[in-house]
PDB file of N, CA and C in Angstrom:
ATOM      1  N   MET A   1      -3.305  13.423   8.048  1.00  0.00           N
ATOM      2  CA  MET A   1      -2.880  12.760   6.834  1.00  0.00           C
ATOM      3  C   MET A   1      -4.098  12.146   6.153  1.00  0.00           C
ATOM      4  N   SER A   2      -4.155  12.274   4.820  1.00  0.00           N
ATOM      5  CA  SER A   2      -5.397  11.834   4.200  1.00  0.00           C
ATOM      6  C   SER A   2      -5.254  11.166   2.837  1.00  0.00           C
ATOM      7  N   GLY A   3      -4.154  10.547   2.525  1.00  0.00           N
ATOM      8  CA  GLY A   3      -4.040   9.877   1.236  1.00  0.00           C
ATOM      9  C   GLY A   3      -4.013  10.855   0.082  1.00  0.00           C
ATOM     10  N   ASN A   4      -4.608  10.446  -1.035  1.00  0.00           N
ATOM     11  CA  ASN A   4      -4.728  11.292  -2.227  1.00  0.00           C
ATOM     12  C   ASN A   4      -3.396  11.774  -2.787  1.00  0.00           C
ATOM     13  N   PHE A   5      -2.377  10.928  -2.748  1.00  0.00           N
ATOM     14  CA  PHE A   5      -1.073  11.317  -3.266  1.00  0.00           C
ATOM     15  C   PHE A   5      -1.134  11.758  -4.719  1.00  0.00           C
ATOM     16  N   SER A   6      -2.035  11.170  -5.497  1.00  0.00           N
ATOM     17  CA  SER A   6      -2.053  11.452  -6.935  1.00  0.00           C
ATOM     18  C   SER A   6      -2.442  12.896  -7.245  1.00  0.00           C
ATOM     19  N   GLN A   7      -3.071  13.585  -6.300  1.00  0.00           N
ATOM     20  CA  GLN A   7      -3.470  14.976  -6.525  1.00  0.00           C
ATOM     21  C   GLN A   7      -2.286  15.937  -6.481  1.00  0.00           C
ATOM     22  N   THR A   8      -1.167  15.504  -5.872  1.00  0.00           N
ATOM     23  CA  THR A   8       0.021  16.356  -5.777  1.00  0.00           C
ATOM     24  C   THR A   8       1.250  15.660  -6.352  1.00  0.00           C
ATOM     25  N   SER A   9       1.013  14.733  -7.288  1.00  0.00           N
ATOM     26  CA  SER A   9       2.104  13.980  -7.901  1.00  0.00           C
ATOM     27  C   SER A   9       1.895  13.885  -9.404  1.00  0.00           C
ATOM     28  N   ASN A  10       3.000  13.663 -10.121  1.00  0.00           N
ATOM     29  CA  ASN A  10       2.919  13.383 -11.547  1.00  0.00           C
ATOM     30  C   ASN A  10       3.929  12.297 -11.892  1.00  0.00           C
ATOM     31  N   ARG A  11       3.985  11.918 -13.148  1.00  0.00           N
ATOM     32  CA  ARG A  11       4.871  10.830 -13.600  1.00  0.00           C
ATOM     33  C   ARG A  11       4.694   9.582 -12.736  1.00  0.00           C
ATOM     34  N   ILE A  12       3.465   9.241 -12.455  1.00  0.00           N
ATOM     35  CA  ILE A  12       3.143   8.095 -11.602  1.00  0.00           C
ATOM     36  C   ILE A  12       3.272   6.819 -12.425  1.00  0.00           C
ATOM     37  N   THR A  13       4.115   5.901 -11.966  1.00  0.00           N
ATOM     38  CA  THR A  13       4.331   4.639 -12.673  1.00  0.00           C
ATOM     39  C   THR A  13       4.416   3.487 -11.680  1.00  0.00           C
ATOM     40  N   LEU A  14       4.329   2.289 -12.230  1.00  0.00           N
ATOM     41  CA  LEU A  14       4.487   1.067 -11.445  1.00  0.00           C
ATOM     42  C   LEU A  14       5.697   0.329 -11.998  1.00  0.00           C
ATOM     43  N   VAL A  15       6.687   0.073 -11.154  1.00  0.00           N
ATOM     44  CA  VAL A  15       7.926  -0.580 -11.551  1.00  0.00           C
ATOM     45  C   VAL A  15       7.920  -2.016 -11.037  1.00  0.00           C
ATOM     46  N   ASP A  16       8.237  -2.957 -11.903  1.00  0.00           N
ATOM     47  CA  ASP A  16       8.303  -4.379 -11.534  1.00  0.00           C
ATOM     48  C   ASP A  16       7.005  -4.896 -10.924  1.00  0.00           C
ATOM     49  N   GLY A  17       5.892  -4.247 -11.234  1.00  0.00           N
ATOM     50  CA  GLY A  17       4.590  -4.725 -10.794  1.00  0.00           C
ATOM     51  C   GLY A  17       4.239  -4.464  -9.343  1.00  0.00           C
ATOM     52  N   HIS A  18       5.155  -3.814  -8.585  1.00  0.00           N
ATOM     53  CA  HIS A  18       4.839  -3.588  -7.167  1.00  0.00           C
ATOM     54  C   HIS A  18       5.481  -2.347  -6.555  1.00  0.00           C
ATOM     55  N   ILE A  19       6.331  -1.662  -7.283  1.00  0.00           N
ATOM     56  CA  ILE A  19       6.965  -0.458  -6.741  1.00  0.00           C
ATOM     57  C   ILE A  19       6.303   0.769  -7.359  1.00  0.00           C
ATOM     58  N   LEU A  20       5.637   1.552  -6.527  1.00  0.00           N
ATOM     59  CA  LEU A  20       4.983   2.770  -6.974  1.00  0.00           C
ATOM     60  C   LEU A  20       6.019   3.885  -7.000  1.00  0.00           C
ATOM     61  N   SER A  21       6.138   4.539  -8.145  1.00  0.00           N
ATOM     62  CA  SER A  21       7.086   5.630  -8.324  1.00  0.00           C
ATOM     63  C   SER A  21       6.322   6.869  -8.774  1.00  0.00           C
ATOM     64  N   ALA A  22       6.717   8.031  -8.253  1.00  0.00           N
ATOM     65  CA  ALA A  22       6.054   9.280  -8.642  1.00  0.00           C
ATOM     66  C   ALA A  22       6.966  10.462  -8.353  1.00  0.00           C
ATOM     67  N   HIS A  23       6.745  11.534  -9.083  1.00  0.00           N
ATOM     68  CA  HIS A  23       7.350  12.816  -8.758  1.00  0.00           C
ATOM     69  C   HIS A  23       6.323  13.549  -7.899  1.00  0.00           C
ATOM     70  N   CYS A  24       6.698  13.830  -6.660  1.00  0.00           N
ATOM     71  CA  CYS A  24       5.772  14.392  -5.673  1.00  0.00           C
ATOM     72  C   CYS A  24       6.153  15.834  -5.344  1.00  0.00           C
ATOM     73  N   ARG A  25       5.158  16.693  -5.281  1.00  0.00           N
ATOM     74  CA  ARG A  25       5.389  18.098  -4.954  1.00  0.00           C
ATOM     75  C   ARG A  25       5.690  18.243  -3.468  1.00  0.00           C
ATOM     76  N   LYS A  26       6.750  18.989  -3.191  1.00  0.00           N
ATOM     77  CA  LYS A  26       7.110  19.293  -1.809  1.00  0.00           C
ATOM     78  C   LYS A  26       6.379  20.553  -1.360  1.00  0.00           C
ATOM     79  N   ALA A  27       6.420  20.837  -0.070  1.00  0.00           N
ATOM     80  CA  ALA A  27       5.748  22.015   0.486  1.00  0.00           C
ATOM     81  C   ALA A  27       6.276  23.309  -0.131  1.00  0.00           C
ATOM     82  N   ASN A  28       7.561  23.326  -0.517  1.00  0.00           N
ATOM     83  CA  ASN A  28       8.150  24.534  -1.100  1.00  0.00           C
ATOM     84  C   ASN A  28       7.901  24.647  -2.605  1.00  0.00           C
ATOM     85  N   GLY A  29       7.135  23.707  -3.178  1.00  0.00           N
ATOM     86  CA  GLY A  29       6.797  23.748  -4.594  1.00  0.00           C
ATOM     87  C   GLY A  29       7.731  22.962  -5.493  1.00  0.00           C
ATOM     88  N   GLU A  30       8.863  22.528  -4.980  1.00  0.00           N
ATOM     89  CA  GLU A  30       9.791  21.716  -5.764  1.00  0.00           C
ATOM     90  C   GLU A  30       9.241  20.302  -5.897  1.00  0.00           C
ATOM     91  N   TRP A  31       9.817  19.559  -6.838  1.00  0.00           N
ATOM     92  CA  TRP A  31       9.389  18.178  -7.087  1.00  0.00           C
ATOM     93  C   TRP A  31      10.472  17.210  -6.644  1.00  0.00           C
ATOM     94  N   ASN A  32      10.051  16.087  -6.114  1.00  0.00           N
ATOM     95  CA  ASN A  32      10.968  15.058  -5.636  1.00  0.00           C
ATOM     96  C   ASN A  32      10.499  13.700  -6.134  1.00  0.00           C
ATOM     97  N   GLU A  33      11.432  12.906  -6.677  1.00  0.00           N
ATOM     98  CA  GLU A  33      11.074  11.547  -7.079  1.00  0.00           C
ATOM     99  C   GLU A  33      11.028  10.669  -5.832  1.00  0.00           C
ATOM    100  N   SER A  34       9.964   9.891  -5.706  1.00  0.00           N
ATOM    101  CA  SER A  34       9.790   9.030  -4.540  1.00  0.00           C
ATOM    102  C   SER A  34       9.278   7.666  -4.986  1.00  0.00           C
ATOM    103  N   LYS A  35       9.654   6.637  -4.239  1.00  0.00           N
ATOM    104  CA  LYS A  35       9.194   5.275  -4.520  1.00  0.00           C
ATOM    105  C   LYS A  35       8.748   4.619  -3.222  1.00  0.00           C
ATOM    106  N   ILE A  36       7.769   3.712  -3.361  1.00  0.00           N
ATOM    107  CA  ILE A  36       7.303   2.944  -2.210  1.00  0.00           C
ATOM    108  C   ILE A  36       6.954   1.543  -2.702  1.00  0.00           C
ATOM    109  N   ASP A  37       7.391   0.533  -1.961  1.00  0.00           N
ATOM    110  CA  ASP A  37       7.130  -0.857  -2.341  1.00  0.00           C
ATOM    111  C   ASP A  37       5.760  -1.268  -1.813  1.00  0.00           C
ATOM    112  N   LEU A  38       4.813  -1.427  -2.720  1.00  0.00           N
ATOM    113  CA  LEU A  38       3.445  -1.778  -2.328  1.00  0.00           C
ATOM    114  C   LEU A  38       3.358  -3.170  -1.712  1.00  0.00           C
ATOM    115  N   ASN A  39       4.342  -4.038  -1.975  1.00  0.00           N
ATOM    116  CA  ASN A  39       4.353  -5.371  -1.362  1.00  0.00           C
ATOM    117  C   ASN A  39       4.447  -5.305   0.162  1.00  0.00           C
ATOM    118  N   ASP A  40       4.911  -4.175   0.687  1.00  0.00           N
ATOM    119  CA  ASP A  40       5.027  -4.020   2.138  1.00  0.00           C
ATOM    120  C   ASP A  40       3.690  -3.700   2.806  1.00  0.00           C
ATOM    121  N   PHE A  41       2.661  -3.352   1.995  1.00  0.00           N
ATOM    122  CA  PHE A  41       1.401  -2.862   2.561  1.00  0.00           C
ATOM    123  C   PHE A  41       0.145  -3.505   1.982  1.00  0.00           C
ATOM    124  N   ILE A  42       0.295  -4.240   0.889  1.00  0.00           N
ATOM    125  CA  ILE A  42      -0.869  -4.815   0.208  1.00  0.00           C
ATOM    126  C   ILE A  42      -0.670  -6.312   0.039  1.00  0.00           C
ATOM    127  N   GLY A  43      -1.712  -7.067   0.372  1.00  0.00           N
ATOM    128  CA  GLY A  43      -1.686  -8.514   0.198  1.00  0.00           C
ATOM    129  C   GLY A  43      -2.787  -8.968  -0.740  1.00  0.00           C
ATOM    130  N   ASN A  44      -2.861 -10.265  -0.916  1.00  0.00           N
ATOM    131  CA  ASN A  44      -3.898 -10.900  -1.726  1.00  0.00           C
ATOM    132  C   ASN A  44      -4.721 -11.786  -0.801  1.00  0.00           C
ATOM    133  N   GLU A  45      -5.985 -11.450  -0.631  1.00  0.00           N
ATOM    134  CA  GLU A  45      -6.894 -12.260   0.177  1.00  0.00           C
ATOM    135  C   GLU A  45      -7.901 -12.936  -0.746  1.00  0.00           C
ATOM    136  N   ASP A  46      -7.609 -14.177  -1.092  1.00  0.00           N
ATOM    137  CA  ASP A  46      -8.490 -14.995  -1.931  1.00  0.00           C
ATOM    138  C   ASP A  46      -8.890 -14.302  -3.236  1.00  0.00           C
ATOM    139  N   GLY A  47      -7.903 -13.670  -3.874  1.00  0.00           N
ATOM    140  CA  GLY A  47      -8.158 -13.057  -5.173  1.00  0.00           C
ATOM    141  C   GLY A  47      -8.560 -11.601  -5.128  1.00  0.00           C
ATOM    142  N   SER A  48      -8.462 -10.980  -3.951  1.00  0.00           N
ATOM    143  CA  SER A  48      -8.783  -9.556  -3.817  1.00  0.00           C
ATOM    144  C   SER A  48      -7.636  -8.836  -3.108  1.00  0.00           C
ATOM    145  N   PHE A  49      -7.349  -7.613  -3.557  1.00  0.00           N
ATOM    146  CA  PHE A  49      -6.353  -6.807  -2.857  1.00  0.00           C
ATOM    147  C   PHE A  49      -6.804  -6.569  -1.424  1.00  0.00           C
ATOM    148  N   GLU A  50      -5.814  -6.518  -0.510  1.00  0.00           N
ATOM    149  CA  GLU A  50      -6.105  -6.314   0.908  1.00  0.00           C
ATOM    150  C   GLU A  50      -5.055  -5.387   1.512  1.00  0.00           C
ATOM    151  N   TRP A  51      -5.511  -4.249   2.062  1.00  0.00           N
ATOM    152  CA  TRP A  51      -4.603  -3.373   2.800  1.00  0.00           C
ATOM    153  C   TRP A  51      -4.098  -4.110   4.034  1.00  0.00           C
ATOM    154  N   ASN A  52      -2.913  -3.763   4.496  1.00  0.00           N
ATOM    155  CA  ASN A  52      -2.260  -4.343   5.674  1.00  0.00           C
ATOM    156  C   ASN A  52      -1.861  -5.793   5.461  1.00  0.00           C
ATOM    157  N   GLY A  53      -1.805  -6.223   4.213  1.00  0.00           N
ATOM    158  CA  GLY A  53      -1.249  -7.525   3.868  1.00  0.00           C
ATOM    159  C   GLY A  53       0.144  -7.305   3.295  1.00  0.00           C
ATOM    160  N   VAL A  54       0.736  -8.370   2.775  1.00  0.00           N
ATOM    161  CA  VAL A  54       2.064  -8.255   2.169  1.00  0.00           C
ATOM    162  C   VAL A  54       2.167  -9.143   0.936  1.00  0.00           C
ATOM    163  N   ASN A  55       3.101  -8.775   0.074  1.00  0.00           N
ATOM    164  CA  ASN A  55       3.535  -9.597  -1.058  1.00  0.00           C
ATOM    165  C   ASN A  55       2.445  -9.984  -2.050  1.00  0.00           C
ATOM    166  N   PHE A  56       1.522  -9.068  -2.341  1.00  0.00           N
ATOM    167  CA  PHE A  56       0.469  -9.362  -3.319  1.00  0.00           C
ATOM    168  C   PHE A  56       1.045  -9.777  -4.666  1.00  0.00           C
ATOM    169  N   SER A  57       2.202  -9.218  -5.033  1.00  0.00           N
ATOM    170  CA  SER A  57       2.730  -9.440  -6.387  1.00  0.00           C
ATOM    171  C   SER A  57       3.147 -10.889  -6.638  1.00  0.00           C
ATOM    172  N   GLN A  58       3.351 -11.658  -5.571  1.00  0.00           N
ATOM    173  CA  GLN A  58       3.739 -13.060  -5.747  1.00  0.00           C
ATOM    174  C   GLN A  58       2.632 -13.885  -6.386  1.00  0.00           C
ATOM    175  N   THR A  59       1.392 -13.428  -6.275  1.00  0.00           N
ATOM    176  CA  THR A  59       0.254 -14.161  -6.841  1.00  0.00           C
ATOM    177  C   THR A  59      -0.551 -13.278  -7.792  1.00  0.00           C
ATOM    178  N   ALA A  60       0.123 -12.284  -8.396  1.00  0.00           N
ATOM    179  CA  ALA A  60      -0.547 -11.343  -9.304  1.00  0.00           C
ATOM    180  C   ALA A  60      -0.044 -11.508 -10.732  1.00  0.00           C
ATOM    181  N   ARG A  61      -0.935 -11.269 -11.678  1.00  0.00           N
ATOM    182  CA  ARG A  61      -0.598 -11.290 -13.108  1.00  0.00           C
ATOM    183  C   ARG A  61      -1.172 -10.030 -13.745  1.00  0.00           C
ATOM    184  N   ASP A  62      -0.520  -9.572 -14.803  1.00  0.00           N
ATOM    185  CA  ASP A  62      -1.008  -8.419 -15.577  1.00  0.00           C
ATOM    186  C   ASP A  62      -1.315  -7.217 -14.689  1.00  0.00           C
ATOM    187  N   THR A  63      -0.385  -6.872 -13.823  1.00  0.00           N
ATOM    188  CA  THR A  63      -0.560  -5.748 -12.907  1.00  0.00           C
ATOM    189  C   THR A  63      -0.314  -4.427 -13.633  1.00  0.00           C
ATOM    190  N   SER A  64      -1.193  -3.454 -13.393  1.00  0.00           N
ATOM    191  CA  SER A  64      -1.044  -2.144 -14.036  1.00  0.00           C
ATOM    192  C   SER A  64      -1.659  -1.062 -13.161  1.00  0.00           C
ATOM    193  N   LEU A  65      -1.404   0.186 -13.560  1.00  0.00           N
ATOM    194  CA  LEU A  65      -2.006   1.336 -12.897  1.00  0.00           C
ATOM    195  C   LEU A  65      -3.123   1.879 -13.763  1.00  0.00           C
ATOM    196  N   LEU A  66      -4.172   2.321 -13.123  1.00  0.00           N
ATOM    197  CA  LEU A  66      -5.280   2.993 -13.785  1.00  0.00           C
ATOM    198  C   LEU A  66      -5.317   4.405 -13.200  1.00  0.00           C
ATOM    199  N   LEU A  67      -4.939   5.384 -14.035  1.00  0.00           N
ATOM    200  CA  LEU A  67      -4.855   6.762 -13.558  1.00  0.00           C
ATOM    201  C   LEU A  67      -5.997   7.585 -14.116  1.00  0.00           C
ATOM    202  N   GLY A  68      -6.644   8.323 -13.239  1.00  0.00           N
ATOM    203  CA  GLY A  68      -7.746   9.207 -13.597  1.00  0.00           C
ATOM    204  C   GLY A  68      -7.914  10.180 -12.451  1.00  0.00           C
ATOM    205  N   ASP A  69      -9.111  10.307 -11.920  1.00  0.00           N
ATOM    206  CA  ASP A  69      -9.327  11.139 -10.735  1.00  0.00           C
ATOM    207  C   ASP A  69      -8.622  10.552  -9.520  1.00  0.00           C
ATOM    208  N   GLU A  70      -8.389   9.240  -9.555  1.00  0.00           N
ATOM    209  CA  GLU A  70      -7.694   8.521  -8.486  1.00  0.00           C
ATOM    210  C   GLU A  70      -6.663   7.603  -9.128  1.00  0.00           C
ATOM    211  N   ALA A  71      -5.693   7.172  -8.333  1.00  0.00           N
ATOM    212  CA  ALA A  71      -4.696   6.211  -8.798  1.00  0.00           C
ATOM    213  C   ALA A  71      -5.077   4.834  -8.267  1.00  0.00           C
ATOM    214  N   LYS A  72      -5.315   3.904  -9.182  1.00  0.00           N
ATOM    215  CA  LYS A  72      -5.729   2.558  -8.787  1.00  0.00           C
ATOM    216  C   LYS A  72      -4.766   1.533  -9.357  1.00  0.00           C
ATOM    217  N   ILE A  73      -4.573   0.468  -8.602  1.00  0.00           N
ATOM    218  CA  ILE A  73      -3.807  -0.665  -9.087  1.00  0.00           C
ATOM    219  C   ILE A  73      -4.805  -1.743  -9.496  1.00  0.00           C
ATOM    220  N   VAL A  74      -4.525  -2.379 -10.623  1.00  0.00           N
ATOM    221  CA  VAL A  74      -5.407  -3.408 -11.175  1.00  0.00           C
ATOM    222  C   VAL A  74      -4.555  -4.635 -11.475  1.00  0.00           C
ATOM    223  N   ALA A  75      -5.063  -5.821 -11.147  1.00  0.00           N
ATOM    224  CA  ALA A  75      -4.329  -7.053 -11.439  1.00  0.00           C
ATOM    225  C   ALA A  75      -5.273  -8.243 -11.428  1.00  0.00           C
ATOM    226  N   ASP A  76      -4.820  -9.313 -12.041  1.00  0.00           N
ATOM    227  CA  ASP A  76      -5.475 -10.608 -11.902  1.00  0.00           C
ATOM    228  C   ASP A  76      -4.785 -11.298 -10.735  1.00  0.00           C
ATOM    229  N   LEU A  77      -5.527 -11.531  -9.657  1.00  0.00           N
ATOM    230  CA  LEU A  77      -4.967 -12.139  -8.451  1.00  0.00           C
ATOM    231  C   LEU A  77      -5.444 -13.576  -8.309  1.00  0.00           C
ATOM    232  N   GLN A  78      -4.531 -14.431  -7.892  1.00  0.00           N
ATOM    233  CA  GLN A  78      -4.856 -15.848  -7.718  1.00  0.00           C
ATOM    234  C   GLN A  78      -5.681 -16.049  -6.451  1.00  0.00           C
ATOM    235  N   SER A  79      -6.773 -16.795  -6.581  1.00  0.00           N
ATOM    236  CA  SER A  79      -7.620 -17.114  -5.429  1.00  0.00           C
ATOM    237  C   SER A  79      -7.158 -18.433  -4.805  1.00  0.00           C
ATOM    238  N   ARG A  80      -7.750 -18.798  -3.679  1.00  0.00           N
ATOM    239  CA  ARG A  80      -7.371 -20.049  -3.003  1.00  0.00           C
ATOM    240  C   ARG A  80      -7.579 -21.269  -3.889  1.00  0.00           C
ATOM    241  N   ASP A  81      -8.589 -21.211  -4.764  1.00  0.00           N
ATOM    242  CA  ASP A  81      -8.848 -22.355  -5.650  1.00  0.00           C
ATOM    243  C   ASP A  81      -8.049 -22.262  -6.952  1.00  0.00           C
ATOM    244  N   GLN A  82      -7.014 -21.408  -6.954  1.00  0.00           N
ATOM    245  CA  GLN A  82      -6.057 -21.266  -8.053  1.00  0.00           C
ATOM    246  C   GLN A  82      -6.597 -20.539  -9.282  1.00  0.00           C
ATOM    247  N   HIS A  83      -7.786 -19.979  -9.209  1.00  0.00           N
ATOM    248  CA  HIS A  83      -8.328 -19.205 -10.323  1.00  0.00           C
ATOM    249  C   HIS A  83      -7.856 -17.754 -10.214  1.00  0.00           C
ATOM    250  N   LEU A  84      -7.785 -17.080 -11.347  1.00  0.00           N
ATOM    251  CA  LEU A  84      -7.425 -15.666 -11.357  1.00  0.00           C
ATOM    252  C   LEU A  84      -8.682 -14.813 -11.318  1.00  0.00           C
ATOM    253  N   LYS A  85      -8.653 -13.787 -10.461  1.00  0.00           N
ATOM    254  CA  LYS A  85      -9.785 -12.868 -10.334  1.00  0.00           C
ATOM    255  C   LYS A  85      -9.278 -11.443 -10.547  1.00  0.00           C
ATOM    256  N   LYS A  86      -9.977 -10.673 -11.370  1.00  0.00           N
ATOM    257  CA  LYS A  86      -9.620  -9.263 -11.586  1.00  0.00           C
ATOM    258  C   LYS A  86      -9.923  -8.488 -10.302  1.00  0.00           C
ATOM    259  N   SER A  87      -8.939  -7.729  -9.841  1.00  0.00           N
ATOM    260  CA  SER A  87      -9.112  -6.951  -8.617  1.00  0.00           C
ATOM    261  C   SER A  87      -8.558  -5.540  -8.818  1.00  0.00           C
ATOM    262  N   THR A  88      -9.178  -4.586  -8.157  1.00  0.00           N
ATOM    263  CA  THR A  88      -8.774  -3.178  -8.237  1.00  0.00           C
ATOM    264  C   THR A  88      -8.696  -2.603  -6.827  1.00  0.00           C
ATOM    265  N   LEU A  89      -7.697  -1.761  -6.590  1.00  0.00           N
ATOM    266  CA  LEU A  89      -7.552  -1.106  -5.291  1.00  0.00           C
ATOM    267  C   LEU A  89      -7.189   0.362  -5.517  1.00  0.00           C
ATOM    268  N   ASN A  90      -7.890   1.255  -4.846  1.00  0.00           N
ATOM    269  CA  ASN A  90      -7.630   2.686  -4.934  1.00  0.00           C
ATOM    270  C   ASN A  90      -6.437   3.028  -4.035  1.00  0.00           C
ATOM    271  N   LEU A  91      -5.297   3.313  -4.641  1.00  0.00           N
ATOM    272  CA  LEU A  91      -4.092   3.615  -3.872  1.00  0.00           C
ATOM    273  C   LEU A  91      -4.198   4.939  -3.125  1.00  0.00           C
ATOM    274  N   ASP A  92      -5.035   5.854  -3.624  1.00  0.00           N
ATOM    275  CA  ASP A  92      -5.224   7.140  -2.951  1.00  0.00           C
ATOM    276  C   ASP A  92      -5.892   6.999  -1.586  1.00  0.00           C
ATOM    277  N   GLU A  93      -6.476   5.842  -1.294  1.00  0.00           N
ATOM    278  CA  GLU A  93      -7.089   5.629   0.023  1.00  0.00           C
ATOM    279  C   GLU A  93      -6.063   5.714   1.145  1.00  0.00           C
ATOM    280  N   ARG A  94      -4.843   5.205   0.897  1.00  0.00           N
ATOM    281  CA  ARG A  94      -3.876   5.109   1.995  1.00  0.00           C
ATOM    282  C   ARG A  94      -2.461   5.564   1.661  1.00  0.00           C
ATOM    283  N   ILE A  95      -2.210   5.918   0.423  1.00  0.00           N
ATOM    284  CA  ILE A  95      -0.891   6.441   0.077  1.00  0.00           C
ATOM    285  C   ILE A  95      -1.008   7.956  -0.012  1.00  0.00           C
ATOM    286  N   THR A  96      -0.098   8.649   0.663  1.00  0.00           N
ATOM    287  CA  THR A  96      -0.133  10.110   0.663  1.00  0.00           C
ATOM    288  C   THR A  96       1.234  10.675   0.299  1.00  0.00           C
ATOM    289  N   ASN A  97       1.260  11.911  -0.085  1.00  0.00           N
ATOM    290  CA  ASN A  97       2.484  12.641  -0.367  1.00  0.00           C
ATOM    291  C   ASN A  97       2.786  13.501   0.858  1.00  0.00           C
ATOM    292  N   VAL A  98       3.874  13.183   1.539  1.00  0.00           N
ATOM    293  CA  VAL A  98       4.296  13.968   2.700  1.00  0.00           C
ATOM    294  C   VAL A  98       5.579  14.704   2.322  1.00  0.00           C
ATOM    295  N   ASP A  99       5.428  15.965   1.964  1.00  0.00           N
ATOM    296  CA  ASP A  99       6.549  16.830   1.584  1.00  0.00           C
ATOM    297  C   ASP A  99       7.477  16.162   0.567  1.00  0.00           C
ATOM    298  N   GLY A 100       6.868  15.597  -0.479  1.00  0.00           N
ATOM    299  CA  GLY A 100       7.659  15.016  -1.559  1.00  0.00           C
ATOM    300  C   GLY A 100       7.989  13.546  -1.409  1.00  0.00           C
ATOM    301  N   ARG A 101       7.423  12.893  -0.407  1.00  0.00           N
ATOM    302  CA  ARG A 101       7.672  11.459  -0.188  1.00  0.00           C
ATOM    303  C   ARG A 101       6.364  10.693  -0.190  1.00  0.00           C
ATOM    304  N   LEU A 102       6.354   9.547  -0.857  1.00  0.00           N
ATOM    305  CA  LEU A 102       5.198   8.651  -0.808  1.00  0.00           C
ATOM    306  C   LEU A 102       5.222   7.905   0.517  1.00  0.00           C
ATOM    307  N   VAL A 103       4.103   7.966   1.245  1.00  0.00           N
ATOM    308  CA  VAL A 103       4.023   7.369   2.578  1.00  0.00           C
ATOM    309  C   VAL A 103       2.720   6.593   2.692  1.00  0.00           C
ATOM    310  N   PHE A 104       2.796   5.401   3.302  1.00  0.00           N
ATOM    311  CA  PHE A 104       1.600   4.610   3.592  1.00  0.00           C
ATOM    312  C   PHE A 104       1.085   5.028   4.955  1.00  0.00           C
ATOM    313  N   GLY A 105      -0.235   5.161   5.063  1.00  0.00           N
ATOM    314  CA  GLY A 105      -0.824   5.496   6.350  1.00  0.00           C
ATOM    315  C   GLY A 105      -2.154   4.804   6.532  1.00  0.00           C
ATOM    316  N   GLU A 106      -2.568   4.661   7.756  1.00  0.00           N
ATOM    317  CA  GLU A 106      -3.872   4.087   8.084  1.00  0.00           C
ATOM    318  C   GLU A 106      -4.830   5.237   8.296  1.00  0.00           C
ATOM    319  N   PHE A 107      -5.843   5.321   7.451  1.00  0.00           N
ATOM    320  CA  PHE A 107      -6.762   6.460   7.519  1.00  0.00           C
ATOM    321  C   PHE A 107      -8.148   5.992   7.832  1.00  0.00           C
TER     322      PHE A 107
END
């Protein structure tokens, strides 16, 4: 398993600031709509996104997706001193498409 879900997905969106939604290609070539709650896998560590954390969206503002060669999440995250810091995380690092389903993995 190797991440890079965006290479085999389209219609990639972010719902409610933390739910990643995409149409993912299955092994047979068909497309399947899939969703994954990023709050289950991403946290906020002093104003920076952190894999294997939880509930980043509770301290995030202006969350969006940046789509290009990779799919990235961008947000202003609250730091311990209550300031907002712009942070970016490449979702393709750990989110993969497994036969039409978005799956988090440790790579």
